[in-house]
Amino acid sequence: MKNYSIQYAVFFLAALAMMAATSFADDGSTHDAPKESTEQITLEVYKSPTCGCCSVWIDHLQERGFVAHVQHPRDLDRVKRNYRVPVQYQSCHTAVSEDGYVFEGHIPARIIKRFLSEKPAGAIGLTVPGMPVGSPGMDYGDTFTPYQVLLLQESGATQIYAEVRTREEQY
């Protein structure tokens, strides 16, 4: 039987050397670059256990730094009612932030981040009604349908929060 402890030690030291070299690489800048926030956004996501497009949307979020805790409630409609999502603005899944904002449907991660940094007065969240082809989780080849992200207000009114005209605008 071979002794692998020396091989592991060499591998470990090589990995440390690579990390150190990467961390201290000189890019020629004379000042520190601003660092992107490392704060993770956590969402509770309520969806049907059999919905594949919801799972792909969750992957979209997680690839962009979100943490998603997935719930499979027996009565998804009740969840939507509890969070005051009007029937005409509902979609296949509902996500809720730690501070209680609701995100209904296939909303791009970058737009959720923008909303949470702005926190518009009187808003309860955002919705993308229906399931627009080409939105995150609703990919269908090269097909894309432009869509609107609506601001849900405490009063029950809505207004356009963002328009997504191309697939690239989502990312």
Protein backbone atom coordinates (compact mmCIF):
# COMPACT_ATOMS: atom_id res chain seq x y z
CA MET A 1 0.00 0.00 0.00
CA LYS A 2 1.43 3.41 -0.99
CA ASN A 3 1.79 6.26 1.47
CA TYR A 4 -0.23 9.16 0.04
CA SER A 5 0.49 11.67 2.83
CA ILE A 6 3.42 13.25 0.92
CA GLN A 7 1.31 13.57 -2.24
CA TYR A 8 -1.50 15.27 -0.25
CA ALA A 9 0.99 17.64 1.41
CA VAL A 10 2.46 18.63 -1.97
CA PHE A 11 -1.02 19.15 -3.42
CA PHE A 12 -2.06 21.24 -0.40
CA LEU A 13 1.05 23.44 -0.58
CA ALA A 14 0.64 23.91 -4.34
CA ALA A 15 -2.99 24.98 -3.82
CA LEU A 16 -1.94 27.47 -1.12
CA ALA A 17 0.76 28.89 -3.39
CA MET A 18 -1.75 29.34 -6.24
CA MET A 19 -4.24 31.10 -3.93
CA ALA A 20 -1.52 33.40 -2.59
CA ALA A 21 -0.28 34.24 -6.08
CA THR A 22 -3.82 35.04 -7.21
CA SER A 23 -4.55 37.13 -4.12
CA PHE A 24 -1.46 39.28 -4.47
CA ALA A 25 -1.29 39.59 -8.25
CA ASP A 26 -0.33 43.12 -9.35
CA ASP A 27 -2.79 44.48 -11.85
CA GLY A 28 -1.04 47.83 -12.08
CA SER A 29 -3.73 49.75 -10.22
CA THR A 30 -2.70 52.42 -7.75
CA HIS A 31 -5.76 52.11 -5.52
CA ASP A 32 -8.04 49.44 -4.17
CA ALA A 33 -10.96 48.62 -6.42
CA PRO A 34 -14.38 48.88 -4.80
CA LYS A 35 -15.58 45.54 -3.55
CA GLU A 36 -19.00 44.19 -4.42
CA SER A 37 -21.19 43.48 -1.44
CA THR A 38 -20.77 39.93 -0.23
CA GLU A 39 -24.06 40.08 1.68
CA GLN A 40 -26.25 37.26 0.48
CA ILE A 41 -29.93 37.72 -0.14
CA THR A 42 -32.07 34.94 1.24
CA LEU A 43 -35.48 34.15 -0.21
CA GLU A 44 -38.12 31.66 0.89
CA VAL A 45 -39.45 30.20 -2.36
CA TYR A 46 -42.89 28.59 -2.41
CA LYS A 47 -43.52 26.32 -5.38
CA SER A 48 -45.03 23.06 -6.53
CA PRO A 49 -42.65 20.11 -6.07
CA THR A 50 -43.17 19.13 -9.72
CA CYS A 51 -42.52 22.51 -11.37
CA GLY A 52 -39.28 22.36 -13.35
CA CYS A 53 -39.30 25.97 -14.55
CA CYS A 54 -39.37 27.14 -10.92
CA SER A 55 -36.30 25.03 -10.21
CA VAL A 56 -34.46 26.59 -13.16
CA TRP A 57 -35.43 30.09 -11.88
CA ILE A 58 -34.02 29.14 -8.46
CA ASP A 59 -30.78 28.07 -10.18
CA HIS A 60 -30.70 31.51 -11.88
CA LEU A 61 -30.93 33.16 -8.44
CA GLN A 62 -28.33 30.95 -6.80
CA GLU A 63 -25.86 31.49 -9.65
CA ARG A 64 -26.12 35.21 -8.83
CA GLY A 65 -25.48 34.90 -5.10
CA PHE A 66 -28.95 34.37 -3.67
CA VAL A 67 -29.78 31.75 -1.08
CA ALA A 68 -33.10 30.03 -1.76
CA HIS A 69 -34.96 28.01 0.85
CA VAL A 70 -37.54 26.02 -1.07
CA GLN A 71 -40.94 25.18 0.40
CA HIS A 72 -43.62 22.98 -1.17
CA PRO A 73 -46.88 24.05 0.49
CA ARG A 74 -50.02 22.01 0.00
CA ASP A 75 -51.97 25.17 -0.83
CA LEU A 76 -49.84 27.50 -2.96
CA ASP A 77 -52.84 29.74 -3.65
CA ARG A 78 -53.14 30.39 0.08
CA VAL A 79 -49.50 31.53 0.19
CA LYS A 80 -50.22 33.99 -2.63
CA ARG A 81 -53.31 35.30 -0.81
CA ASN A 82 -51.35 35.67 2.45
CA TYR A 83 -48.79 37.83 0.66
CA ARG A 84 -51.55 39.82 -1.11
CA VAL A 85 -50.62 38.87 -4.68
CA PRO A 86 -53.71 39.66 -6.80
CA VAL A 87 -54.91 36.74 -8.92
CA GLN A 88 -54.27 38.55 -12.22
CA TYR A 89 -50.60 39.05 -11.25
CA GLN A 90 -49.84 35.53 -10.06
CA SER A 91 -47.39 33.10 -11.60
CA CYS A 92 -46.10 29.64 -10.76
CA HIS A 93 -43.99 30.47 -7.69
CA THR A 94 -43.77 33.05 -4.93
CA ALA A 95 -40.56 34.14 -3.20
CA VAL A 96 -40.37 36.22 -0.04
CA SER A 97 -37.36 38.16 1.27
CA GLU A 98 -36.31 38.23 4.91
CA ASP A 99 -37.89 41.66 5.26
CA GLY A 100 -41.23 40.49 3.84
CA TYR A 101 -41.13 41.66 0.22
CA VAL A 102 -42.80 39.33 -2.24
CA PHE A 103 -41.43 38.35 -5.67
CA GLU A 104 -43.97 36.60 -7.85
CA GLY A 105 -42.88 34.74 -10.97
CA HIS A 106 -39.82 34.73 -13.20
CA ILE A 107 -38.20 38.01 -12.11
CA PRO A 108 -34.52 38.38 -13.04
CA ALA A 109 -32.14 38.33 -10.06
CA ARG A 110 -30.62 41.69 -10.98
CA ILE A 111 -34.05 43.36 -10.79
CA ILE A 112 -34.76 41.81 -7.37
CA LYS A 113 -31.38 43.12 -6.15
CA ARG A 114 -32.20 46.58 -7.47
CA PHE A 115 -35.60 46.55 -5.79
CA LEU A 116 -34.14 45.48 -2.45
CA SER A 117 -31.53 48.23 -2.59
CA GLU A 118 -34.18 50.86 -3.41
CA LYS A 119 -37.13 49.55 -1.35
CA PRO A 120 -39.72 51.81 -2.99
CA ALA A 121 -42.15 53.43 -0.55
CA GLY A 122 -45.53 51.71 -0.39
CA ALA A 123 -44.34 48.61 -2.25
CA ILE A 124 -44.98 45.03 -1.21
CA GLY A 125 -42.87 43.54 -4.00
CA LEU A 126 -42.62 42.72 -7.69
CA THR A 127 -44.36 40.44 -10.14
CA VAL A 128 -43.91 39.07 -13.62
CA PRO A 129 -47.42 37.79 -14.36
CA GLY A 130 -47.73 34.63 -16.37
CA MET A 131 -44.64 32.90 -17.60
CA PRO A 132 -42.99 34.91 -20.41
CA VAL A 133 -40.96 32.79 -22.82
CA GLY A 134 -37.28 33.56 -22.43
CA SER A 135 -37.50 34.92 -18.88
CA PRO A 136 -35.21 33.23 -16.32
CA GLY A 137 -36.44 29.65 -15.99
CA MET A 138 -38.62 29.86 -19.09
CA ASP A 139 -35.86 29.40 -21.66
CA TYR A 140 -37.03 27.97 -24.96
CA GLY A 141 -34.17 27.93 -27.45
CA ASP A 142 -33.56 31.39 -28.88
CA THR A 143 -37.18 32.45 -28.40
CA PHE A 144 -37.69 35.53 -26.23
CA THR A 145 -40.80 37.56 -25.48
CA PRO A 146 -40.26 41.06 -24.03
CA TYR A 147 -42.03 41.53 -20.70
CA GLN A 148 -42.66 43.95 -17.86
CA VAL A 149 -41.82 43.62 -14.19
CA LEU A 150 -44.60 45.23 -12.18
CA LEU A 151 -44.36 46.92 -8.80
CA LEU A 152 -47.02 45.64 -6.39
CA GLN A 153 -48.18 48.41 -4.08
CA GLU A 154 -49.81 48.20 -0.64
CA SER A 155 -52.84 50.01 -2.09
CA GLY A 156 -53.40 47.14 -4.54
CA ALA A 157 -52.29 49.23 -7.51
CA THR A 158 -49.45 48.27 -9.81
CA GLN A 159 -47.06 50.18 -12.00
CA ILE A 160 -44.25 49.24 -14.35
CA TYR A 161 -41.01 48.85 -12.41
CA ALA A 162 -38.82 47.56 -15.26
CA GLU A 163 -39.14 46.51 -18.86
CA VAL A 164 -37.08 43.64 -20.20
CA ARG A 165 -36.84 44.03 -23.96
CA THR A 166 -34.03 41.56 -24.68
CA ARG A 167 -32.69 38.36 -23.15
CA GLU A 168 -29.41 40.14 -22.37
CA GLU A 169 -31.16 42.78 -20.22
CA GLN A 170 -31.99 40.07 -17.68
CA TYR A 171 -28.39 39.41 -16.70
